Amino acid sequence: MDEEQYAGFWIRVWATLIDILLLSMITLPLTMLIYGNSMWESQRIILGPADFLINYTFPFIAVILFWIYKSATPGKMALNIKIVNADDGRKISVGQSIGRYFAYFPAILVFFIGIFWVAFDKRKQGWHDKLAGTVVIKKKKVVIK
């Protein structure tokens, strides 16, 4: 894996922003359709079963499926980066995908330190990457001669 170029902090921030924008374009209209303005006014974390499905279950399933089948979310694909197994550079497993998703929680828990870790780590791994055994790399450019 040493010959790979690791994706740094800022390219990963941009990928995340693209993903948030795309996901919001799906989840916000659906949530508004069902809950109306109460989604903005409510103090509750989960408004009801539809909110749980739209804003928690759907993103979880979508992200895991993208990681498993494409090795990247749409934001990462747009920026030509992908997630691979840290040991051998192969596709990540279902278990790694699920573990990586849930490992974001401790990574963001204390002022996002586990996310900012990417900027200082030699392999550009955040805590979620370290916990799941993954790295994010830049895809190799294919040169056609």
C-alpha atoms as a PDB file:
ATOM      1  CA  MET A   1       0.000   0.000   0.000  1.00  0.00           C
ATOM      2  CA  ASP A   2       2.988   2.340   0.221  1.00  0.00           C
ATOM      3  CA  GLU A   3       2.910   3.096  -3.521  1.00  0.00           C
ATOM      4  CA  GLU A   4      -0.639   4.484  -3.284  1.00  0.00           C
ATOM      5  CA  GLN A   5      -1.243   8.180  -2.788  1.00  0.00           C
ATOM      6  CA  TYR A   6      -3.461   8.780   0.200  1.00  0.00           C
ATOM      7  CA  ALA A   7      -6.346  11.239  -0.104  1.00  0.00           C
ATOM      8  CA  GLY A   8      -5.806  14.163   2.238  1.00  0.00           C
ATOM      9  CA  PHE A   9      -8.064  16.133   4.516  1.00  0.00           C
ATOM     10  CA  TRP A  10      -9.389  18.794   2.138  1.00  0.00           C
ATOM     11  CA  ILE A  11     -10.302  16.524  -0.768  1.00  0.00           C
ATOM     12  CA  ARG A  12     -12.194  14.362   1.712  1.00  0.00           C
ATOM     13  CA  VAL A  13     -13.983  17.429   3.117  1.00  0.00           C
ATOM     14  CA  TRP A  14     -15.111  18.343  -0.417  1.00  0.00           C
ATOM     15  CA  ALA A  15     -16.290  14.771  -1.040  1.00  0.00           C
ATOM     16  CA  THR A  16     -18.299  14.890   2.174  1.00  0.00           C
ATOM     17  CA  LEU A  17     -19.882  18.211   1.226  1.00  0.00           C
ATOM     18  CA  ILE A  18     -20.928  16.778  -2.150  1.00  0.00           C
ATOM     19  CA  ASP A  19     -22.442  13.755  -0.387  1.00  0.00           C
ATOM     20  CA  ILE A  20     -24.298  15.931   2.120  1.00  0.00           C
ATOM     21  CA  LEU A  21     -25.715  18.059  -0.707  1.00  0.00           C
ATOM     22  CA  LEU A  22     -26.866  15.021  -2.711  1.00  0.00           C
ATOM     23  CA  LEU A  23     -28.316  13.256   0.317  1.00  0.00           C
ATOM     24  CA  SER A  24     -30.117  16.423   1.418  1.00  0.00           C
ATOM     25  CA  MET A  25     -31.690  16.745  -2.021  1.00  0.00           C
ATOM     26  CA  ILE A  26     -33.379  13.405  -1.359  1.00  0.00           C
ATOM     27  CA  THR A  27     -34.092  13.461   2.369  1.00  0.00           C
ATOM     28  CA  LEU A  28     -35.193  17.064   2.929  1.00  0.00           C
ATOM     29  CA  PRO A  29     -38.067  17.099   0.412  1.00  0.00           C
ATOM     30  CA  LEU A  30     -39.332  13.725   1.642  1.00  0.00           C
ATOM     31  CA  THR A  31     -39.178  14.789   5.279  1.00  0.00           C
ATOM     32  CA  MET A  32     -40.860  18.114   4.465  1.00  0.00           C
ATOM     33  CA  LEU A  33     -43.578  16.299   2.522  1.00  0.00           C
ATOM     34  CA  ILE A  34     -44.415  14.154   5.542  1.00  0.00           C
ATOM     35  CA  TYR A  35     -43.730  16.471   8.497  1.00  0.00           C
ATOM     36  CA  GLY A  36     -44.007  19.940   6.975  1.00  0.00           C
ATOM     37  CA  ASN A  37     -42.606  22.833   8.981  1.00  0.00           C
ATOM     38  CA  SER A  38     -42.748  20.816  12.191  1.00  0.00           C
ATOM     39  CA  MET A  39     -39.420  19.260  11.145  1.00  0.00           C
ATOM     40  CA  TRP A  40     -37.788  22.657  11.728  1.00  0.00           C
ATOM     41  CA  GLU A  41     -39.720  23.519  14.874  1.00  0.00           C
ATOM     42  CA  SER A  42     -39.566  20.250  16.787  1.00  0.00           C
ATOM     43  CA  GLN A  43     -37.126  19.691  19.654  1.00  0.00           C
ATOM     44  CA  ARG A  44     -37.174  15.913  19.155  1.00  0.00           C
ATOM     45  CA  ILE A  45     -34.255  14.076  17.584  1.00  0.00           C
ATOM     46  CA  ILE A  46     -36.562  11.693  15.718  1.00  0.00           C
ATOM     47  CA  LEU A  47     -39.944  13.037  14.607  1.00  0.00           C
ATOM     48  CA  GLY A  48     -41.488   9.633  13.921  1.00  0.00           C
ATOM     49  CA  PRO A  49     -41.096   6.365  12.003  1.00  0.00           C
ATOM     50  CA  ALA A  50     -40.899   8.019   8.562  1.00  0.00           C
ATOM     51  CA  ASP A  51     -38.222  10.415   9.812  1.00  0.00           C
ATOM     52  CA  PHE A  52     -36.211   7.483  11.155  1.00  0.00           C
ATOM     53  CA  LEU A  53     -36.471   5.651   7.825  1.00  0.00           C
ATOM     54  CA  ILE A  54     -35.682   8.687   5.666  1.00  0.00           C
ATOM     55  CA  ASN A  55     -32.967  10.382   7.702  1.00  0.00           C
ATOM     56  CA  TYR A  56     -31.276   7.517   9.531  1.00  0.00           C
ATOM     57  CA  THR A  57     -31.965   4.172   7.842  1.00  0.00           C
ATOM     58  CA  PHE A  58     -31.804   5.313   4.196  1.00  0.00           C
ATOM     59  CA  PRO A  59     -28.440   7.145   4.543  1.00  0.00           C
ATOM     60  CA  PHE A  60     -26.975   4.183   6.433  1.00  0.00           C
ATOM     61  CA  ILE A  61     -28.030   1.687   3.755  1.00  0.00           C
ATOM     62  CA  ALA A  62     -27.063   3.969   0.846  1.00  0.00           C
ATOM     63  CA  VAL A  63     -23.584   4.717   2.191  1.00  0.00           C
ATOM     64  CA  ILE A  64     -22.861   1.072   3.047  1.00  0.00           C
ATOM     65  CA  LEU A  65     -23.998  -0.077  -0.406  1.00  0.00           C
ATOM     66  CA  PHE A  66     -21.896   2.568  -2.156  1.00  0.00           C
ATOM     67  CA  TRP A  67     -18.848   1.583  -0.092  1.00  0.00           C
ATOM     68  CA  ILE A  68     -19.359  -2.113  -0.816  1.00  0.00           C
ATOM     69  CA  TYR A  69     -20.129  -1.888  -4.536  1.00  0.00           C
ATOM     70  CA  LYS A  70     -18.262   1.244  -5.649  1.00  0.00           C
ATOM     71  CA  SER A  71     -15.606   1.633  -2.900  1.00  0.00           C
ATOM     72  CA  ALA A  72     -16.768   5.240  -2.640  1.00  0.00           C
ATOM     73  CA  THR A  73     -19.744   7.505  -2.130  1.00  0.00           C
ATOM     74  CA  PRO A  74     -20.799   9.791  -5.009  1.00  0.00           C
ATOM     75  CA  GLY A  75     -18.682  12.620  -3.561  1.00  0.00           C
ATOM     76  CA  LYS A  76     -15.596  10.444  -3.476  1.00  0.00           C
ATOM     77  CA  MET A  77     -16.325   9.150  -6.988  1.00  0.00           C
ATOM     78  CA  ALA A  78     -16.639  12.723  -8.285  1.00  0.00           C
ATOM     79  CA  LEU A  79     -13.204  13.537  -6.842  1.00  0.00           C
ATOM     80  CA  ASN A  80     -11.593  10.292  -7.995  1.00  0.00           C
ATOM     81  CA  ILE A  81     -10.863   8.828  -4.568  1.00  0.00           C
ATOM     82  CA  LYS A  82     -11.885   5.523  -3.018  1.00  0.00           C
ATOM     83  CA  ILE A  83     -11.857   3.541   0.225  1.00  0.00           C
ATOM     84  CA  VAL A  84      -9.763   0.384   0.382  1.00  0.00           C
ATOM     85  CA  ASN A  85      -8.530  -2.128   2.937  1.00  0.00           C
ATOM     86  CA  ALA A  86      -5.495  -0.619   4.674  1.00  0.00           C
ATOM     87  CA  ASP A  87      -3.535  -3.879   4.620  1.00  0.00           C
ATOM     88  CA  ASP A  88      -3.797  -5.012   1.018  1.00  0.00           C
ATOM     89  CA  GLY A  89      -5.586  -2.282  -0.977  1.00  0.00           C
ATOM     90  CA  ARG A  90      -8.534  -4.513  -1.809  1.00  0.00           C
ATOM     91  CA  LYS A  91     -12.224  -3.670  -1.563  1.00  0.00           C
ATOM     92  CA  ILE A  92     -13.503  -3.340   1.963  1.00  0.00           C
ATOM     93  CA  SER A  93     -15.791  -5.986   3.402  1.00  0.00           C
ATOM     94  CA  VAL A  94     -19.375  -5.602   4.573  1.00  0.00           C
ATOM     95  CA  GLY A  95     -18.118  -5.779   8.161  1.00  0.00           C
ATOM     96  CA  GLN A  96     -15.533  -3.070   7.544  1.00  0.00           C
ATOM     97  CA  SER A  97     -18.189  -0.902   5.892  1.00  0.00           C
ATOM     98  CA  ILE A  98     -20.576  -1.181   8.818  1.00  0.00           C
ATOM     99  CA  GLY A  99     -17.756  -0.747  11.319  1.00  0.00           C
ATOM    100  CA  ARG A 100     -16.456   2.312   9.487  1.00  0.00           C
ATOM    101  CA  TYR A 101     -19.910   3.891   9.442  1.00  0.00           C
ATOM    102  CA  PHE A 102     -20.395   3.473  13.186  1.00  0.00           C
ATOM    103  CA  ALA A 103     -16.778   4.473  13.892  1.00  0.00           C
ATOM    104  CA  TYR A 104     -17.674   7.987  12.745  1.00  0.00           C
ATOM    105  CA  PHE A 105     -19.490   8.474  16.055  1.00  0.00           C
ATOM    106  CA  PRO A 106     -16.402   8.311  18.298  1.00  0.00           C
ATOM    107  CA  ALA A 107     -14.473  10.228  15.600  1.00  0.00           C
ATOM    108  CA  ILE A 108     -16.838  13.214  15.856  1.00  0.00           C
ATOM    109  CA  LEU A 109     -17.745  12.922  19.539  1.00  0.00           C
ATOM    110  CA  VAL A 110     -15.071  15.241  20.934  1.00  0.00           C
ATOM    111  CA  PHE A 111     -14.887  18.308  18.685  1.00  0.00           C
ATOM    112  CA  PHE A 112     -14.394  16.170  15.541  1.00  0.00           C
ATOM    113  CA  ILE A 113     -10.824  15.315  16.617  1.00  0.00           C
ATOM    114  CA  GLY A 114     -11.061  11.902  14.949  1.00  0.00           C
ATOM    115  CA  ILE A 115     -11.945  13.566  11.644  1.00  0.00           C
ATOM    116  CA  PHE A 116      -9.282  16.289  11.869  1.00  0.00           C
ATOM    117  CA  TRP A 117      -6.802  13.469  12.561  1.00  0.00           C
ATOM    118  CA  VAL A 118      -6.753  12.889   8.784  1.00  0.00           C
ATOM    119  CA  ALA A 119      -4.815  16.146   8.320  1.00  0.00           C
ATOM    120  CA  PHE A 120      -1.931  14.994  10.532  1.00  0.00           C
ATOM    121  CA  ASP A 121      -1.766  11.219  10.052  1.00  0.00           C
ATOM    122  CA  LYS A 122       0.978   9.870   7.756  1.00  0.00           C
ATOM    123  CA  ARG A 123      -1.540   7.593   5.987  1.00  0.00           C
ATOM    124  CA  LYS A 124      -4.283  10.267   6.134  1.00  0.00           C
ATOM    125  CA  GLN A 125      -6.473   8.020   8.292  1.00  0.00           C
ATOM    126  CA  GLY A 126      -9.204   9.351  10.531  1.00  0.00           C
ATOM    127  CA  TRP A 127     -10.204   7.403  13.620  1.00  0.00           C
ATOM    128  CA  HIS A 128     -13.024   5.798  11.626  1.00  0.00           C
ATOM    129  CA  ASP A 129     -10.430   4.556   9.117  1.00  0.00           C
ATOM    130  CA  LYS A 130      -8.120   3.258  11.829  1.00  0.00           C
ATOM    131  CA  LEU A 131     -10.951   1.470  13.635  1.00  0.00           C
ATOM    132  CA  ALA A 132     -12.202  -0.128  10.402  1.00  0.00           C
ATOM    133  CA  GLY A 133      -8.782  -0.877   8.897  1.00  0.00           C
ATOM    134  CA  THR A 134      -9.317   1.330   5.842  1.00  0.00           C
ATOM    135  CA  VAL A 135      -7.527   4.077   3.942  1.00  0.00           C
ATOM    136  CA  VAL A 136      -8.801   6.522   1.351  1.00  0.00           C
ATOM    137  CA  ILE A 137      -6.634   6.720  -1.754  1.00  0.00           C
ATOM    138  CA  LYS A 138      -6.547   8.643  -4.988  1.00  0.00           C
ATOM    139  CA  LYS A 139      -7.468   6.422  -7.931  1.00  0.00           C
ATOM    140  CA  LYS A 140      -4.692   5.719 -10.368  1.00  0.00           C
ATOM    141  CA  LYS A 141      -5.065   7.576 -13.618  1.00  0.00           C
ATOM    142  CA  VAL A 142      -5.358   5.355 -16.634  1.00  0.00           C
ATOM    143  CA  VAL A 143      -3.107   6.495 -19.462  1.00  0.00           C
ATOM    144  CA  ILE A 144      -4.210   5.344 -22.896  1.00  0.00           C
ATOM    145  CA  LYS A 145      -1.428   5.251 -25.488  1.00  0.00           C
END
